[in-house]
PDB file of N, CA and C in Angstrom:
ATOM      1  N   MET A   1     -16.747  92.323 103.219  1.00  0.00           N
ATOM      2  CA  MET A   1     -17.193  92.899 103.221  1.00  0.00           C
ATOM      3  C   MET A   1     -17.061  94.533 103.481  1.00  0.00           C
ATOM      4  N   PRO A   2     -16.933  95.709 103.188  1.00  0.00           N
ATOM      5  CA  PRO A   2     -17.220  96.783 104.225  1.00  0.00           C
ATOM      6  C   PRO A   2     -18.009  97.085 104.684  1.00  0.00           C
ATOM      7  N   LYS A   3     -18.152  97.386 106.392  1.00  0.00           N
ATOM      8  CA  LYS A   3     -18.712  97.953 107.140  1.00  0.00           C
ATOM      9  C   LYS A   3     -18.874  99.769 107.079  1.00  0.00           C
ATOM     10  N   TYR A   4     -20.337  99.698 107.473  1.00  0.00           N
ATOM     11  CA  TYR A   4     -20.776 101.632 106.853  1.00  0.00           C
ATOM     12  C   TYR A   4     -22.045 102.522 108.568  1.00  0.00           C
ATOM     13  N   VAL A   5     -21.142 103.510 108.075  1.00  0.00           N
ATOM     14  CA  VAL A   5     -22.220 104.360 109.512  1.00  0.00           C
ATOM     15  C   VAL A   5     -23.075 104.995 108.885  1.00  0.00           C
ATOM     16  N   ILE A   6     -24.526 104.673 109.497  1.00  0.00           N
ATOM     17  CA  ILE A   6     -25.330 105.691 108.368  1.00  0.00           C
ATOM     18  C   ILE A   6     -25.839 106.744 109.522  1.00  0.00           C
ATOM     19  N   GLU A   7     -25.701 107.592 109.573  1.00  0.00           N
ATOM     20  CA  GLU A   7     -26.452 108.635 110.068  1.00  0.00           C
ATOM     21  C   GLU A   7     -28.642 109.048 109.398  1.00  0.00           C
ATOM     22  N   ARG A   8     -28.772 108.758 110.464  1.00  0.00           N
ATOM     23  CA  ARG A   8     -30.207 109.174 110.299  1.00  0.00           C
ATOM     24  C   ARG A   8     -30.938 110.029 111.023  1.00  0.00           C
ATOM     25  N   GLU A   9     -31.998 111.316 109.967  1.00  0.00           N
ATOM     26  CA  GLU A   9     -31.684 112.377 110.696  1.00  0.00           C
ATOM     27  C   GLU A   9     -33.029 112.028 110.849  1.00  0.00           C
ATOM     28  N   VAL A  10     -34.507 111.539 112.729  1.00  0.00           N
ATOM     29  CA  VAL A  10     -35.212 111.447 112.603  1.00  0.00           C
ATOM     30  C   VAL A  10     -35.306 112.397 113.971  1.00  0.00           C
ATOM     31  N   PRO A  11     -36.319 113.755 113.764  1.00  0.00           N
ATOM     32  CA  PRO A  11     -36.258 113.849 115.400  1.00  0.00           C
ATOM     33  C   PRO A  11     -37.159 113.380 115.715  1.00  0.00           C
ATOM     34  N   GLY A  12     -37.010 113.547 117.300  1.00  0.00           N
ATOM     35  CA  GLY A  12     -37.781 113.154 118.564  1.00  0.00           C
ATOM     36  C   GLY A  12     -37.466 111.039 118.840  1.00  0.00           C
ATOM     37  N   ALA A  13     -36.044 110.854 117.703  1.00  0.00           N
ATOM     38  CA  ALA A  13     -35.919 110.035 117.775  1.00  0.00           C
ATOM     39  C   ALA A  13     -35.638 109.283 119.218  1.00  0.00           C
ATOM     40  N   GLY A  14     -34.866 110.099 120.409  1.00  0.00           N
ATOM     41  CA  GLY A  14     -35.188 109.705 121.490  1.00  0.00           C
ATOM     42  C   GLY A  14     -36.211 109.058 122.116  1.00  0.00           C
ATOM     43  N   LYS A  15     -37.164 109.740 121.849  1.00  0.00           N
ATOM     44  CA  LYS A  15     -38.590 110.518 122.216  1.00  0.00           C
ATOM     45  C   LYS A  15     -39.670 109.172 122.463  1.00  0.00           C
ATOM     46  N   MET A  16     -38.769 108.204 121.559  1.00  0.00           N
ATOM     47  CA  MET A  16     -40.206 107.471 120.196  1.00  0.00           C
ATOM     48  C   MET A  16     -40.085 105.773 121.401  1.00  0.00           C
ATOM     49  N   SER A  17     -41.791 105.225 121.975  1.00  0.00           N
ATOM     50  CA  SER A  17     -42.241 104.574 122.456  1.00  0.00           C
ATOM     51  C   SER A  17     -40.527 103.237 121.789  1.00  0.00           C
ATOM     52  N   ALA A  18     -41.288 102.140 122.635  1.00  0.00           N
ATOM     53  CA  ALA A  18     -40.446 100.751 122.754  1.00  0.00           C
ATOM     54  C   ALA A  18     -41.297 100.093 121.271  1.00  0.00           C
ATOM     55  N   ALA A  19     -41.962 100.531 121.525  1.00  0.00           N
ATOM     56  CA  ALA A  19     -43.528  99.891 120.200  1.00  0.00           C
ATOM     57  C   ALA A  19     -43.319 100.619 118.881  1.00  0.00           C
ATOM     58  N   GLU A  20     -42.507 101.522 118.506  1.00  0.00           N
ATOM     59  CA  GLU A  20     -42.354 102.344 117.318  1.00  0.00           C
ATOM     60  C   GLU A  20     -40.841 102.142 116.738  1.00  0.00           C
ATOM     61  N   LEU A  21     -40.382 101.701 118.444  1.00  0.00           N
ATOM     62  CA  LEU A  21     -38.806 101.785 117.662  1.00  0.00           C
ATOM     63  C   LEU A  21     -38.737 100.067 117.044  1.00  0.00           C
ATOM     64  N   GLN A  22     -40.112  99.560 117.798  1.00  0.00           N
ATOM     65  CA  GLN A  22     -39.436  97.955 116.842  1.00  0.00           C
ATOM     66  C   GLN A  22     -40.155  97.356 115.931  1.00  0.00           C
ATOM     67  N   ALA A  23     -41.503  98.907 115.227  1.00  0.00           N
ATOM     68  CA  ALA A  23     -41.604  98.892 114.173  1.00  0.00           C
ATOM     69  C   ALA A  23     -40.882  99.466 112.933  1.00  0.00           C
ATOM     70  N   ILE A  24     -40.456  99.969 113.355  1.00  0.00           N
ATOM     71  CA  ILE A  24     -39.029 100.280 112.391  1.00  0.00           C
ATOM     72  C   ILE A  24     -37.612  99.393 112.113  1.00  0.00           C
ATOM     73  N   SER A  25     -37.789  98.779 113.310  1.00  0.00           N
ATOM     74  CA  SER A  25     -37.077  97.242 112.912  1.00  0.00           C
ATOM     75  C   SER A  25     -37.609  96.409 112.232  1.00  0.00           C
ATOM     76  N   GLU A  26     -39.078  96.558 112.136  1.00  0.00           N
ATOM     77  CA  GLU A  26     -39.375  95.142 110.993  1.00  0.00           C
ATOM     78  C   GLU A  26     -39.924  95.729 110.017  1.00  0.00           C
ATOM     79  N   LYS A  27     -39.993  96.582 109.839  1.00  0.00           N
ATOM     80  CA  LYS A  27     -39.585  97.216 108.213  1.00  0.00           C
ATOM     81  C   LYS A  27     -38.503  97.771 107.761  1.00  0.00           C
ATOM     82  N   SER A  28     -36.862  97.683 108.650  1.00  0.00           N
ATOM     83  CA  SER A  28     -35.495  97.879 108.178  1.00  0.00           C
ATOM     84  C   SER A  28     -35.151  96.027 107.570  1.00  0.00           C
ATOM     85  N   ASN A  29     -35.985  95.606 108.380  1.00  0.00           N
ATOM     86  CA  ASN A  29     -35.511  93.639 108.834  1.00  0.00           C
ATOM     87  C   ASN A  29     -36.528  93.114 106.922  1.00  0.00           C
ATOM     88  N   LYS A  30     -37.702  93.783 106.980  1.00  0.00           N
ATOM     89  CA  LYS A  30     -38.580  93.163 105.855  1.00  0.00           C
ATOM     90  C   LYS A  30     -37.670  93.773 104.248  1.00  0.00           C
ATOM     91  N   VAL A  31     -37.131  95.297 104.758  1.00  0.00           N
ATOM     92  CA  VAL A  31     -36.326  95.417 103.196  1.00  0.00           C
ATOM     93  C   VAL A  31     -35.759  95.335 102.947  1.00  0.00           C
ATOM     94  N   ILE A  32     -34.345  94.666 104.286  1.00  0.00           N
ATOM     95  CA  ILE A  32     -32.737  93.508 104.282  1.00  0.00           C
ATOM     96  C   ILE A  32     -33.420  92.723 103.820  1.00  0.00           C
ATOM     97  N   GLY A  33     -34.497  91.809 103.944  1.00  0.00           N
ATOM     98  CA  GLY A  33     -34.282  90.258 103.541  1.00  0.00           C
ATOM     99  C   GLY A  33     -35.325  90.649 102.288  1.00  0.00           C
ATOM    100  N   GLU A  34     -35.545  91.850 101.711  1.00  0.00           N
ATOM    101  CA  GLU A  34     -36.109  91.550 100.048  1.00  0.00           C
ATOM    102  C   GLU A  34     -34.829  91.788  99.518  1.00  0.00           C
ATOM    103  N   LEU A  35     -34.389  92.761  99.772  1.00  0.00           N
ATOM    104  CA  LEU A  35     -32.690  93.235  99.462  1.00  0.00           C
ATOM    105  C   LEU A  35     -31.991  91.403  99.166  1.00  0.00           C
ATOM    106  N   GLY A  36     -31.874  91.391 100.075  1.00  0.00           N
ATOM    107  CA  GLY A  36     -30.803  89.434 100.090  1.00  0.00           C
ATOM    108  C   GLY A  36     -29.397  89.336 100.274  1.00  0.00           C
ATOM    109  N   PRO A  37     -28.625  88.769 101.108  1.00  0.00           N
ATOM    110  CA  PRO A  37     -27.332  88.240 101.906  1.00  0.00           C
ATOM    111  C   PRO A  37     -26.578  89.715 101.781  1.00  0.00           C
ATOM    112  N   GLU A  38     -26.303  90.529 100.757  1.00  0.00           N
ATOM    113  CA  GLU A  38     -25.468  91.131 100.354  1.00  0.00           C
ATOM    114  C   GLU A  38     -25.675  92.341 101.368  1.00  0.00           C
ATOM    115  N   ILE A  39     -26.186  92.950 101.957  1.00  0.00           N
ATOM    116  CA  ILE A  39     -26.687  93.594 103.190  1.00  0.00           C
ATOM    117  C   ILE A  39     -26.791  93.344 104.199  1.00  0.00           C
ATOM    118  N   ARG A  40     -26.832  93.495 105.245  1.00  0.00           N
ATOM    119  CA  ARG A  40     -26.986  93.240 106.799  1.00  0.00           C
ATOM    120  C   ARG A  40     -26.959  94.502 107.552  1.00  0.00           C
ATOM    121  N   TRP A  41     -27.832  94.632 108.738  1.00  0.00           N
ATOM    122  CA  TRP A  41     -27.821  95.426 109.920  1.00  0.00           C
ATOM    123  C   TRP A  41     -27.659  94.753 111.388  1.00  0.00           C
ATOM    124  N   LEU A  42     -26.353  95.891 111.719  1.00  0.00           N
ATOM    125  CA  LEU A  42     -25.560  94.827 112.663  1.00  0.00           C
ATOM    126  C   LEU A  42     -26.023  95.050 114.280  1.00  0.00           C
ATOM    127  N   THR A  43     -25.770  96.997 113.773  1.00  0.00           N
ATOM    128  CA  THR A  43     -26.876  97.994 115.216  1.00  0.00           C
ATOM    129  C   THR A  43     -27.328  98.977 115.258  1.00  0.00           C
ATOM    130  N   SER A  44     -28.207  99.464 115.880  1.00  0.00           N
ATOM    131  CA  SER A  44     -27.663 100.976 115.241  1.00  0.00           C
ATOM    132  C   SER A  44     -28.612 101.653 117.351  1.00  0.00           C
ATOM    133  N   TYR A  45     -27.596 103.106 117.333  1.00  0.00           N
ATOM    134  CA  TYR A  45     -27.293 103.285 118.547  1.00  0.00           C
ATOM    135  C   TYR A  45     -28.633 105.003 117.978  1.00  0.00           C
ATOM    136  N   VAL A  46     -29.834 104.745 119.034  1.00  0.00           N
ATOM    137  CA  VAL A  46     -30.442 106.038 118.945  1.00  0.00           C
ATOM    138  C   VAL A  46     -29.744 106.829 120.277  1.00  0.00           C
ATOM    139  N   THR A  47     -30.584 108.382 119.808  1.00  0.00           N
ATOM    140  CA  THR A  47     -29.580 109.866 120.022  1.00  0.00           C
ATOM    141  C   THR A  47     -31.168 110.026 120.438  1.00  0.00           C
ATOM    142  N   ASP A  48     -30.880 111.722 121.577  1.00  0.00           N
ATOM    143  CA  ASP A  48     -31.545 112.602 120.887  1.00  0.00           C
ATOM    144  C   ASP A  48     -33.138 112.726 119.393  1.00  0.00           C
ATOM    145  N   ASP A  49     -32.395 112.782 118.659  1.00  0.00           N
ATOM    146  CA  ASP A  49     -32.588 113.351 116.991  1.00  0.00           C
ATOM    147  C   ASP A  49     -32.058 112.451 115.857  1.00  0.00           C
ATOM    148  N   LYS A  50     -31.570 111.870 116.098  1.00  0.00           N
ATOM    149  CA  LYS A  50     -31.284 110.911 115.626  1.00  0.00           C
ATOM    150  C   LYS A  50     -31.086 108.983 115.335  1.00  0.00           C
ATOM    151  N   LEU A  51     -30.505 108.621 114.635  1.00  0.00           N
ATOM    152  CA  LEU A  51     -30.526 106.877 114.974  1.00  0.00           C
ATOM    153  C   LEU A  51     -28.337 107.362 114.375  1.00  0.00           C
ATOM    154  N   TYR A  52     -28.449 106.341 114.302  1.00  0.00           N
ATOM    155  CA  TYR A  52     -26.811 105.603 113.774  1.00  0.00           C
ATOM    156  C   TYR A  52     -26.937 103.983 113.805  1.00  0.00           C
ATOM    157  N   CYS A  53     -26.672 103.400 112.389  1.00  0.00           N
ATOM    158  CA  CYS A  53     -26.663 102.351 112.697  1.00  0.00           C
ATOM    159  C   CYS A  53     -25.747 102.109 111.620  1.00  0.00           C
ATOM    160  N   VAL A  54     -24.986 100.670 112.412  1.00  0.00           N
ATOM    161  CA  VAL A  54     -24.243 100.512 111.254  1.00  0.00           C
ATOM    162  C   VAL A  54     -24.650  98.668 110.558  1.00  0.00           C
ATOM    163  N   TYR A  55     -23.760  99.206 109.605  1.00  0.00           N
ATOM    164  CA  TYR A  55     -24.544  98.042 108.581  1.00  0.00           C
ATOM    165  C   TYR A  55     -23.142  97.656 108.198  1.00  0.00           C
ATOM    166  N   VAL A  56     -22.669  96.159 107.539  1.00  0.00           N
ATOM    167  CA  VAL A  56     -22.846  95.224 106.512  1.00  0.00           C
ATOM    168  C   VAL A  56     -22.590  96.039 105.570  1.00  0.00           C
ATOM    169  N   ALA A  57     -22.345  95.974 104.226  1.00  0.00           N
ATOM    170  CA  ALA A  57     -23.242  96.219 102.329  1.00  0.00           C
ATOM    171  C   ALA A  57     -22.203  97.168 101.737  1.00  0.00           C
ATOM    172  N   PRO A  58     -21.600  95.722 100.764  1.00  0.00           N
ATOM    173  CA  PRO A  58     -20.785  96.022  98.958  1.00  0.00           C
ATOM    174  C   PRO A  58     -21.018  97.049  98.659  1.00  0.00           C
ATOM    175  N   ASP A  59     -21.686  98.137  98.716  1.00  0.00           N
ATOM    176  CA  ASP A  59     -20.831  99.486  98.221  1.00  0.00           C
ATOM    177  C   ASP A  59     -22.185 100.242  99.777  1.00  0.00           C
ATOM    178  N   GLU A  60     -22.426 101.644  98.758  1.00  0.00           N
ATOM    179  CA  GLU A  60     -23.181 102.480  99.254  1.00  0.00           C
ATOM    180  C   GLU A  60     -24.122 102.617  97.961  1.00  0.00           C
ATOM    181  N   ASP A  61     -24.405 102.070  97.553  1.00  0.00           N
ATOM    182  CA  ASP A  61     -25.281 102.212  96.404  1.00  0.00           C
ATOM    183  C   ASP A  61     -26.897 100.774  96.836  1.00  0.00           C
ATOM    184  N   ILE A  62     -26.477  99.465  97.195  1.00  0.00           N
ATOM    185  CA  ILE A  62     -27.752  99.553  97.990  1.00  0.00           C
ATOM    186  C   ILE A  62     -28.065  99.676  99.835  1.00  0.00           C
ATOM    187  N   ILE A  63     -26.993 100.391 100.395  1.00  0.00           N
ATOM    188  CA  ILE A  63     -27.275 100.674 101.916  1.00  0.00           C
ATOM    189  C   ILE A  63     -28.608 102.738 100.760  1.00  0.00           C
ATOM    190  N   GLN A  64     -28.232 103.303 100.476  1.00  0.00           N
ATOM    191  CA  GLN A  64     -28.860 103.988  99.455  1.00  0.00           C
ATOM    192  C   GLN A  64     -30.626 103.485  99.432  1.00  0.00           C
ATOM    193  N   GLU A  65     -30.561 101.884  97.996  1.00  0.00           N
ATOM    194  CA  GLU A  65     -31.509 101.665  97.574  1.00  0.00           C
ATOM    195  C   GLU A  65     -31.972 100.999  99.152  1.00  0.00           C
ATOM    196  N   HIS A  66     -31.546 100.317 100.598  1.00  0.00           N
ATOM    197  CA  HIS A  66     -32.650  99.918 101.745  1.00  0.00           C
ATOM    198  C   HIS A  66     -33.050 101.255 102.581  1.00  0.00           C
ATOM    199  N   ALA A  67     -32.740 102.053 102.070  1.00  0.00           N
ATOM    200  CA  ALA A  67     -33.434 103.996 102.945  1.00  0.00           C
ATOM    201  C   ALA A  67     -34.211 104.263 101.606  1.00  0.00           C
ATOM    202  N   ARG A  68     -33.851 104.379 100.670  1.00  0.00           N
ATOM    203  CA  ARG A  68     -35.464 104.375 100.100  1.00  0.00           C
ATOM    204  C   ARG A  68     -36.520 103.453  99.989  1.00  0.00           C
ATOM    205  N   CYS A  69     -36.590 101.912  99.794  1.00  0.00           N
ATOM    206  CA  CYS A  69     -37.314 100.888  99.677  1.00  0.00           C
ATOM    207  C   CYS A  69     -37.743 101.677 101.808  1.00  0.00           C
ATOM    208  N   GLY A  70     -37.269 101.305 102.591  1.00  0.00           N
ATOM    209  CA  GLY A  70     -37.676 101.630 103.791  1.00  0.00           C
ATOM    210  C   GLY A  70     -38.935 102.595 103.824  1.00  0.00           C
ATOM    211  N   GLY A  71     -38.252 103.363 103.068  1.00  0.00           N
ATOM    212  CA  GLY A  71     -38.836 104.941 103.557  1.00  0.00           C
ATOM    213  C   GLY A  71     -37.978 106.498 104.607  1.00  0.00           C
ATOM    214  N   PHE A  72     -36.720 105.420 105.043  1.00  0.00           N
ATOM    215  CA  PHE A  72     -35.345 105.742 105.916  1.00  0.00           C
ATOM    216  C   PHE A  72     -34.892 106.746 105.270  1.00  0.00           C
ATOM    217  N   PRO A  73     -34.223 108.587 106.081  1.00  0.00           N
ATOM    218  CA  PRO A  73     -33.093 109.062 105.653  1.00  0.00           C
ATOM    219  C   PRO A  73     -32.243 108.350 106.312  1.00  0.00           C
ATOM    220  N   ALA A  74     -31.515 108.700 105.486  1.00  0.00           N
ATOM    221  CA  ALA A  74     -29.775 108.020 104.553  1.00  0.00           C
ATOM    222  C   ALA A  74     -29.462 109.263 104.988  1.00  0.00           C
ATOM    223  N   ASP A  75     -29.407 110.343 105.765  1.00  0.00           N
ATOM    224  CA  ASP A  75     -29.005 112.246 105.526  1.00  0.00           C
ATOM    225  C   ASP A  75     -26.858 111.923 105.775  1.00  0.00           C
ATOM    226  N   ARG A  76     -26.555 110.621 106.227  1.00  0.00           N
ATOM    227  CA  ARG A  76     -24.443 110.356 105.566  1.00  0.00           C
ATOM    228  C   ARG A  76     -24.939 109.106 105.427  1.00  0.00           C
ATOM    229  N   ILE A  77     -23.532 108.651 104.907  1.00  0.00           N
ATOM    230  CA  ILE A  77     -23.494 107.451 104.938  1.00  0.00           C
ATOM    231  C   ILE A  77     -21.305 107.477 105.117  1.00  0.00           C
ATOM    232  N   THR A  78     -20.629 106.701 105.347  1.00  0.00           N
ATOM    233  CA  THR A  78     -19.861 106.335 105.950  1.00  0.00           C
ATOM    234  C   THR A  78     -19.348 105.503 105.797  1.00  0.00           C
ATOM    235  N   LYS A  79     -17.570 105.330 105.566  1.00  0.00           N
ATOM    236  CA  LYS A  79     -16.960 104.120 105.180  1.00  0.00           C
ATOM    237  C   LYS A  79     -15.581 103.880 106.446  1.00  0.00           C
ATOM    238  N   VAL A  80     -16.666 102.534 107.342  1.00  0.00           N
ATOM    239  CA  VAL A  80     -15.809 102.394 108.214  1.00  0.00           C
ATOM    240  C   VAL A  80     -14.706 101.811 107.985  1.00  0.00           C
ATOM    241  N   SER A  81     -12.871 102.556 107.886  1.00  0.00           N
ATOM    242  CA  SER A  81     -11.570 102.410 107.792  1.00  0.00           C
ATOM    243  C   SER A  81     -10.960 101.835 108.859  1.00  0.00           C
ATOM    244  N   ALA A  82     -11.782 101.792 110.165  1.00  0.00           N
ATOM    245  CA  ALA A  82     -11.275 100.574 110.903  1.00  0.00           C
ATOM    246  C   ALA A  82     -12.119 100.965 112.207  1.00  0.00           C
ATOM    247  N   VAL A  83     -11.994  99.712 113.833  1.00  0.00           N
ATOM    248  CA  VAL A  83     -12.076  99.738 114.674  1.00  0.00           C
ATOM    249  C   VAL A  83     -11.058  99.471 115.738  1.00  0.00           C
ATOM    250  N   ILE A  84     -12.058 100.598 116.356  1.00  0.00           N
ATOM    251  CA  ILE A  84     -11.048  99.857 118.188  1.00  0.00           C
ATOM    252  C   ILE A  84     -11.831  99.681 119.061  1.00  0.00           C
ATOM    253  N   ASP A  85     -11.087  99.380 120.260  1.00  0.00           N
ATOM    254  CA  ASP A  85     -11.784  99.410 121.354  1.00  0.00           C
ATOM    255  C   ASP A  85     -10.720  99.469 122.564  1.00  0.00           C
ATOM    256  N   PRO A  86     -11.158  99.176 123.906  1.00  0.00           N
ATOM    257  CA  PRO A  86     -10.173  99.657 124.409  1.00  0.00           C
ATOM    258  C   PRO A  86      -9.057  98.405 124.872  1.00  0.00           C
ATOM    259  N   SER A  87      -9.045  97.293 124.180  1.00  0.00           N
ATOM    260  CA  SER A  87      -8.132  96.718 124.444  1.00  0.00           C
ATOM    261  C   SER A  87      -7.053  96.598 123.679  1.00  0.00           C
ATOM    262  N   THR A  88      -7.579  97.740 122.079  1.00  0.00           N
ATOM    263  CA  THR A  88      -6.932  97.637 120.845  1.00  0.00           C
ATOM    264  C   THR A  88      -5.615  98.410 121.164  1.00  0.00           C
ATOM    265  N   GLY A  89      -5.718  99.325 123.082  1.00  0.00           N
ATOM    266  CA  GLY A  89      -4.547 100.162 123.729  1.00  0.00           C
ATOM    267  C   GLY A  89      -3.239  99.778 124.696  1.00  0.00           C
ATOM    268  N   GLY A  90      -3.620  97.637 124.381  1.00  0.00           N
ATOM    269  CA  GLY A  90      -3.286  97.555 125.229  1.00  0.00           C
ATOM    270  C   GLY A  90      -3.345  97.200 126.450  1.00  0.00           C
TER     271      GLY A  90
END
């Protein structure tokens, strides 16, 4: 199944409290549960003003639906074409 990186513009994201981040996570999990097993959230990276979320999903449409139902921005959705890490370099 394809993997996607979702860029979400969230001003002040890096200053959110643990409770605020937990609330966002709970909402995301709830929506994913309602959408079914086709979509999975793997991880998110919180930066100053953005969230970069990694999802596995059959297509961009279900990611857009997750964003719509959860009230989350999905400013850019990019399909991952390859994954590399330090071991890739030998």
